[in-house]
Amino acid sequence: MKLEKYYTNLWNLICDGKDTMLRPIHLNIPEKQLFYSKTDKKHLFLGPTWQIYLISDKKDENGCVMVYCPYTFAQGQIFLVPKDLIIDLGYN
């Protein structure tokens, strides 16, 4: 039973809770840069090739979309990133 719970938690981290996987992305930036973290309500660094997933294509009033990054081992972060900086990697 513990194994099933473990894999369910992993699935929920990379999916929307149903059956749609989050799309992996990279950022079109030359080096790490500050982006606003909705989780911590402050600016934190994101790098161009860090493990990042697109949560929603819906833009806010500033043209930013929400992305998820497993920022630390303890918690992930949700960031606002300008849509034009996103490189869609696909599902491989």
Protein backbone atom coordinates (compact mmCIF):
# COMPACT_ATOMS: atom_id res chain seq x y z
CA MET A 1 0.00 0.00 0.00
CA LYS A 2 2.87 2.41 0.76
CA LEU A 3 4.34 1.81 -2.70
CA GLU A 4 1.05 2.74 -4.36
CA LYS A 5 0.87 5.96 -2.33
CA TYR A 6 4.47 6.78 -3.26
CA TYR A 7 3.82 6.41 -7.00
CA THR A 8 0.55 8.33 -6.73
CA ASN A 9 2.44 11.23 -5.14
CA LEU A 10 5.07 11.12 -7.89
CA TRP A 11 2.36 11.08 -10.57
CA ASN A 12 0.66 14.10 -9.00
CA LEU A 13 3.94 16.03 -9.08
CA ILE A 14 4.28 15.69 -12.86
CA CYS A 15 0.60 15.70 -13.81
CA ASP A 16 -2.40 17.91 -13.30
CA GLY A 17 -3.95 15.32 -10.98
CA LYS A 18 -5.87 13.62 -13.78
CA ASP A 19 -4.08 12.29 -16.82
CA THR A 20 -2.36 15.26 -18.47
CA MET A 21 1.38 15.48 -17.91
CA LEU A 22 2.99 18.86 -17.39
CA ARG A 23 5.08 19.94 -20.40
CA PRO A 24 8.84 20.16 -19.75
CA ILE A 25 10.40 23.45 -20.83
CA HIS A 26 13.67 25.35 -20.82
CA LEU A 27 14.06 29.11 -20.66
CA ASN A 28 15.52 31.14 -23.52
CA ILE A 29 17.97 33.07 -21.34
CA PRO A 30 21.80 33.03 -21.46
CA GLU A 31 22.35 32.57 -17.72
CA LYS A 32 20.34 32.30 -14.52
CA GLN A 33 17.98 35.18 -13.92
CA LEU A 34 15.54 36.41 -11.26
CA PHE A 35 11.85 35.54 -11.68
CA TYR A 36 8.93 36.12 -9.33
CA SER A 37 8.03 33.11 -7.17
CA LYS A 38 4.32 32.96 -6.35
CA THR A 39 5.14 30.41 -3.65
CA ASP A 40 7.59 32.60 -1.70
CA LYS A 41 6.26 35.97 -2.95
CA LYS A 42 9.76 37.16 -3.85
CA HIS A 43 12.20 36.95 -6.74
CA LEU A 44 14.36 33.82 -7.00
CA PHE A 45 16.83 32.59 -9.61
CA LEU A 46 15.96 30.24 -12.47
CA GLY A 47 18.54 28.91 -14.91
CA PRO A 48 18.18 28.30 -18.66
CA THR A 49 18.39 24.49 -18.45
CA TRP A 50 16.88 23.82 -15.03
CA GLN A 51 14.13 21.25 -14.69
CA ILE A 52 10.98 23.33 -15.27
CA TYR A 53 7.40 22.45 -16.27
CA LEU A 54 4.69 24.61 -17.83
CA ILE A 55 1.58 24.65 -15.63
CA SER A 56 -0.68 26.83 -17.76
CA ASP A 57 -0.60 28.52 -21.18
CA LYS A 58 -2.92 31.24 -19.85
CA LYS A 59 -1.14 34.60 -19.68
CA ASP A 60 -1.66 37.11 -16.90
CA GLU A 61 -1.96 40.89 -17.47
CA ASN A 62 1.86 41.14 -17.82
CA GLY A 63 2.16 38.35 -20.42
CA CYS A 64 3.55 35.84 -17.93
CA VAL A 65 2.59 32.18 -17.52
CA MET A 66 2.95 29.91 -14.49
CA VAL A 67 5.72 27.32 -14.41
CA TYR A 68 6.69 24.75 -11.79
CA CYS A 69 10.27 24.03 -10.74
CA PRO A 70 11.31 21.44 -8.14
CA TYR A 71 13.50 24.20 -6.71
CA THR A 72 14.83 22.40 -3.64
CA PHE A 73 14.58 18.90 -2.28
CA ALA A 74 12.07 20.09 0.32
CA GLN A 75 9.65 21.97 -1.94
CA GLY A 76 8.89 23.07 -5.45
CA GLN A 77 8.24 26.62 -6.55
CA ILE A 78 5.69 28.19 -8.87
CA PHE A 79 7.14 31.06 -10.90
CA LEU A 80 5.75 33.69 -13.25
CA VAL A 81 7.77 33.69 -16.49
CA PRO A 82 7.22 35.74 -19.68
CA LYS A 83 5.64 33.51 -22.34
CA ASP A 84 8.18 34.55 -25.00
CA LEU A 85 11.08 33.10 -22.95
CA ILE A 86 9.68 29.55 -22.99
CA ILE A 87 11.23 26.80 -25.12
CA ASP A 88 8.84 23.83 -25.28
CA LEU A 89 10.81 20.56 -25.06
CA GLY A 90 7.83 18.28 -25.68
CA TYR A 91 7.23 14.96 -23.98
CA ASN A 92 10.22 13.18 -25.58
